[in-house]
Each structure stands twice: as C-alpha cells, then as structure tokens.
C-alpha cells in the first residue's frame, strides 16, 4: 500500500515531476492556493516539495526549507513533512499571497512507481496515493470502515478510494495510523479525489473551514 510519507525522499531527479494524470492539479477555496504533483518514485521528495512550494508561493526555491518532525517522539529523522520560507523572500513573496500568520501545509505519498506531493498555502494538507490491487489484496473492513460506511466499499476501486481518503485525513491530522481508520468518517471531512494513473487512486484532505 502507499507509504505514509514519513521517510525522507530518495535521492535523484530535480523535483519537477512529469506530465502524468493529476500533475499540476490546483484546488481553489479555503482562501488559499493548493497544488498536487505526481512524480517518478526516484525523484527526491524534499526537492520536489521545495520546488512546489516555491512555484505556488512565488519565491526562489533556495528560500524554501523542508524537513520532518515526528509528533510522537519529536525526532527530525522521520515523521510528518514540513516546509517554510526563510529570509527576505518570505516578506516579499509568500506574505503577499497568503495571510502573514498562515502556515504552509505539505504532504507526500508513495505507491508503486509513483510519488505524489501536495502543498497548501494557509493551512495543513494530507495526500495519499494507493494501488487498487494492493489495497484489495489486504482489505479488512474491520480495520478501515466506520459504522455506516459498508455501502462505500462495494468494489476494489471503492475500497482503495476509502483507504486513500482516510490515509489523507490521518496525514492532515498528523497522527498517521496511530489513529485507527474506523474513527475517521469521510463524510465529516473535506476529502477530494485526485486524478491518478491507471490502476491507482489518490485523495487529498484539506482543513475544515468556510468555502473560499
């Protein structure tokens, strides 16, 4: 199944991504800009996130810093990815496009040969990509479904979409699989499907708030 995005990026590539389905997707609303990009798995995930933040915020790529922070143990060697804009570029670029107290949400996921990265200016974000066959082979409804969601898991694609949606929500929350999936009801969260290559599904979760 798709990774949680807690590991650092594999080295290689320039972080730009290729022209695959879902590449360069933009989402409006929530008063801020959001984008997702699909890359080859060999691409350096941190370089991809830096390039994506820079493009969305209108700042030089070398002004963007990325890293990891584990909310469970405090380690910077693994955990939830983060990004921030440093130096003068922050005041002349990013703060002209989002409110000065807004954060930069970043997320990533790997499945099969694909790396999916996402950036949200002005709040958190969670993203997940899953191979349909891989989810179906390991499917256990007791580990995924909240009460009343049984009708949403009729086909292999349905089940993969449920899994991807819930993984995206858990990344948005920053808890990962420490929060059991059955505690997440997709109807209660802003989760959107994202175009993905054949045989895969992808989803993005955004913070609650008034429509932008």
Protein backbone atom coordinates (compact mmCIF):
# COMPACT_ATOMS: atom_id res chain seq x y z
CA UNK A 1 0.00 0.00 0.00
CA UNK A 2 1.04 3.60 -0.29
CA UNK A 3 3.61 4.84 2.19
CA UNK A 4 2.73 7.31 4.90
CA UNK A 5 5.23 9.85 3.60
CA UNK A 6 7.20 9.76 6.86
CA UNK A 7 10.51 8.88 5.22
CA UNK A 8 12.90 11.29 3.55
CA UNK A 9 12.95 11.43 -0.26
CA UNK A 10 15.02 9.07 -2.35
CA UNK A 11 17.90 10.91 -3.98
CA UNK A 12 17.69 11.58 -7.67
CA UNK A 13 15.73 13.79 -10.05
CA UNK A 14 15.08 17.51 -9.80
CA UNK A 15 11.68 17.59 -8.16
CA UNK A 16 9.81 18.91 -11.20
CA UNK A 17 7.62 15.90 -11.94
CA UNK A 18 6.32 14.55 -15.24
CA UNK A 19 3.20 15.04 -17.35
CA UNK A 20 1.16 12.27 -15.73
CA UNK A 21 -2.55 12.35 -14.78
CA UNK A 22 -3.12 14.63 -11.80
CA UNK A 23 0.09 16.57 -12.40
CA UNK A 24 -0.13 20.25 -11.59
CA UNK A 25 -3.65 19.97 -10.15
CA UNK A 26 -4.83 23.16 -8.45
CA UNK A 27 -7.65 23.40 -5.91
CA UNK A 28 -9.31 26.69 -5.07
CA UNK A 29 -11.18 27.51 -1.90
CA UNK A 30 -10.35 27.85 1.78
CA UNK A 31 -8.87 31.25 0.92
CA UNK A 32 -5.53 29.80 -0.14
CA UNK A 33 -3.79 28.02 -3.00
CA UNK A 34 -3.33 24.26 -3.19
CA UNK A 35 -1.48 22.14 -5.71
CA UNK A 36 -0.54 18.49 -6.22
CA UNK A 37 2.12 16.97 -8.42
CA UNK A 38 2.86 13.41 -9.45
CA UNK A 39 6.49 12.31 -9.90
CA UNK A 40 8.54 9.24 -10.61
CA UNK A 41 9.42 7.42 -7.39
CA UNK A 42 13.13 8.12 -7.93
CA UNK A 43 12.60 11.89 -7.52
CA UNK A 44 13.95 13.46 -4.31
CA UNK A 45 10.79 14.16 -2.31
CA UNK A 46 12.27 17.12 -0.46
CA UNK A 47 13.47 18.73 -3.69
CA UNK A 48 10.01 18.18 -5.16
CA UNK A 49 8.33 19.85 -2.19
CA UNK A 50 10.76 22.80 -2.23
CA UNK A 51 10.14 23.38 -5.94
CA UNK A 52 6.39 23.11 -5.48
CA UNK A 53 6.25 25.49 -2.51
CA UNK A 54 8.42 27.98 -4.39
CA UNK A 55 6.23 27.87 -7.50
CA UNK A 56 2.99 28.25 -5.54
CA UNK A 57 4.28 30.98 -3.21
CA UNK A 58 6.21 32.92 -5.84
CA UNK A 59 9.59 32.73 -4.10
CA UNK A 60 13.01 31.33 -5.10
CA UNK A 61 13.43 27.61 -4.46
CA UNK A 62 16.55 28.26 -2.35
CA UNK A 63 14.38 30.25 0.08
CA UNK A 64 12.35 27.15 0.95
CA UNK A 65 13.39 24.79 3.75
CA UNK A 66 11.91 21.33 4.32
CA UNK A 67 12.25 18.68 6.98
CA UNK A 68 10.46 16.08 9.10
CA UNK A 69 9.05 16.13 12.62
CA UNK A 70 7.64 13.11 14.41
CA UNK A 71 4.77 14.24 16.63
CA UNK A 72 5.11 11.07 18.72
CA UNK A 73 8.80 11.19 19.65
CA UNK A 74 9.98 14.62 18.46
CA UNK A 75 12.56 13.18 16.05
CA UNK A 76 13.57 15.17 12.96
CA UNK A 77 14.81 11.99 11.24
CA UNK A 78 11.30 10.87 10.33
CA UNK A 79 7.68 11.90 10.69
CA UNK A 80 5.39 14.49 9.19
CA UNK A 81 6.98 16.65 6.47
CA UNK A 82 7.10 20.43 6.92
CA UNK A 83 8.15 23.41 4.80
CA UNK A 84 8.79 27.08 5.44
CA UNK A 85 10.04 30.11 3.54
CA UNK A 86 13.02 31.88 5.07
CA UNK A 87 14.68 35.28 4.78
CA UNK A 88 13.62 38.27 2.71
CA UNK A 89 11.75 36.09 0.22
CA UNK A 90 9.13 35.41 2.88
CA UNK A 91 8.23 39.07 3.31
CA UNK A 92 8.19 39.98 -0.39
CA UNK A 93 6.75 36.77 -1.78
CA UNK A 94 4.78 34.41 0.39
CA UNK A 95 3.20 37.08 2.60
CA UNK A 96 1.89 38.90 -0.45
CA UNK A 97 -0.13 35.79 -1.35
CA UNK A 98 -1.43 34.46 1.96
CA UNK A 99 -2.04 35.95 5.39
CA UNK A 100 1.13 36.55 7.36
CA UNK A 101 0.16 34.14 10.14
CA UNK A 102 -0.78 31.31 7.76
CA UNK A 103 1.31 28.18 7.58
CA UNK A 104 2.48 26.08 4.67
CA UNK A 105 1.00 22.59 4.63
CA UNK A 106 2.91 19.88 2.75
CA UNK A 107 2.28 16.17 2.34
CA UNK A 108 3.56 13.28 0.24
CA UNK A 109 2.77 9.66 -0.55
CA UNK A 110 4.42 6.83 -2.47
CA UNK A 111 2.85 3.83 -4.16
CA UNK A 112 4.25 1.60 -6.89
CA UNK A 113 6.41 3.75 -9.19
CA UNK A 114 4.75 7.00 -8.13
CA UNK A 115 5.45 9.84 -5.69
CA UNK A 116 2.61 12.30 -5.04
CA UNK A 117 3.37 15.65 -3.40
CA UNK A 118 0.94 18.33 -2.20
CA UNK A 119 1.24 21.90 -0.93
CA UNK A 120 -1.39 24.10 0.72
CA UNK A 121 -0.67 27.76 1.45
CA UNK A 122 -2.59 28.76 4.52
CA UNK A 123 -3.10 25.52 6.40
CA UNK A 124 -2.49 21.80 6.63
CA UNK A 125 -2.97 19.17 3.96
CA UNK A 126 -2.86 15.40 3.64
CA UNK A 127 -2.45 13.40 0.45
CA UNK A 128 -2.35 9.70 -0.38
CA UNK A 129 -1.96 7.54 -3.48
CA UNK A 130 -2.77 3.82 -3.49
CA UNK A 131 -2.55 0.92 -5.93
CA UNK A 132 -6.05 -0.54 -6.21
CA UNK A 133 -4.90 -4.17 -6.39
CA UNK A 134 -2.60 -3.80 -3.38
CA UNK A 135 -5.37 -2.42 -1.19
CA UNK A 136 -7.82 -5.08 -2.31
CA UNK A 137 -5.38 -7.91 -1.58
CA UNK A 138 -5.04 -6.79 2.05
CA UNK A 139 -8.55 -5.47 2.64
CA UNK A 140 -10.01 -5.95 6.11
CA UNK A 141 -13.20 -3.94 6.64
CA UNK A 142 -12.83 -4.06 10.42
CA UNK A 143 -9.59 -2.07 10.13
CA UNK A 144 -10.94 0.59 7.78
CA UNK A 145 -14.69 1.18 7.85
CA UNK A 146 -16.55 3.42 10.26
CA UNK A 147 -20.12 2.38 11.09
CA UNK A 148 -22.41 3.08 8.14
CA UNK A 149 -19.64 3.09 5.52
CA UNK A 150 -20.15 -0.50 4.34
CA UNK A 151 -22.02 0.61 1.22
CA UNK A 152 -18.98 2.68 0.16
CA UNK A 153 -16.76 -0.41 -0.22
CA UNK A 154 -18.53 -2.48 -2.87
CA UNK A 155 -15.75 -2.62 -5.48
CA UNK A 156 -11.97 -2.82 -5.38
CA UNK A 157 -11.75 0.78 -6.57
CA UNK A 158 -14.24 1.88 -3.89
CA UNK A 159 -12.12 0.21 -1.21
CA UNK A 160 -8.92 1.81 -2.47
CA UNK A 161 -10.60 5.23 -2.52
CA UNK A 162 -11.74 4.77 1.06
CA UNK A 163 -8.26 3.77 2.15
CA UNK A 164 -6.61 6.68 0.30
CA UNK A 165 -9.13 9.15 1.69
CA UNK A 166 -8.60 8.02 5.26
CA UNK A 167 -4.80 7.99 4.92
CA UNK A 168 -5.02 11.55 3.60
CA UNK A 169 -7.11 12.61 6.61
CA UNK A 170 -4.69 10.98 9.07
CA UNK A 171 -1.79 12.84 7.44
CA UNK A 172 -3.74 16.08 7.67
CA UNK A 173 -4.26 15.41 11.37
CA UNK A 174 -0.60 14.50 11.80
CA UNK A 175 -1.35 11.25 13.62
CA UNK A 176 -0.83 8.69 10.87
CA UNK A 177 -2.02 5.19 11.63
CA UNK A 178 -1.81 5.90 15.38
CA UNK A 179 -5.44 6.92 14.85
CA UNK A 180 -7.50 3.87 13.80
CA UNK A 181 -9.14 4.34 10.40
CA UNK A 182 -12.62 3.39 11.70
CA UNK A 183 -12.51 6.54 13.84
CA UNK A 184 -12.44 8.63 10.65
CA UNK A 185 -15.71 9.26 8.82
CA UNK A 186 -15.02 10.61 5.35
CA UNK A 187 -18.42 12.30 5.24
CA UNK A 188 -17.25 14.59 8.05
CA UNK A 189 -14.03 15.76 6.35
CA UNK A 190 -13.14 17.77 3.23
CA UNK A 191 -11.65 14.90 1.19
CA UNK A 192 -11.40 15.18 -2.59
CA UNK A 193 -10.44 12.60 -5.19
CA UNK A 194 -7.43 13.42 -7.35
CA UNK A 195 -6.77 12.12 -10.87
CA UNK A 196 -4.28 9.24 -10.77
CA UNK A 197 -2.58 6.86 -13.23
CA UNK A 198 -4.44 3.74 -14.33
CA UNK A 199 -4.66 1.16 -11.53
CA UNK A 200 -4.20 3.79 -8.80
CA UNK A 201 -6.38 6.18 -6.83
CA UNK A 202 -5.43 9.35 -4.97
CA UNK A 203 -7.08 11.68 -2.49
CA UNK A 204 -6.38 14.98 -0.74
CA UNK A 205 -7.72 16.14 2.63
CA UNK A 206 -7.99 19.83 3.49
CA UNK A 207 -8.71 21.61 6.77
CA UNK A 208 -12.28 22.41 7.73
CA UNK A 209 -13.38 25.97 7.18
CA UNK A 210 -15.75 28.23 5.26
CA UNK A 211 -15.60 27.93 1.46
CA UNK A 212 -13.13 30.28 -0.17
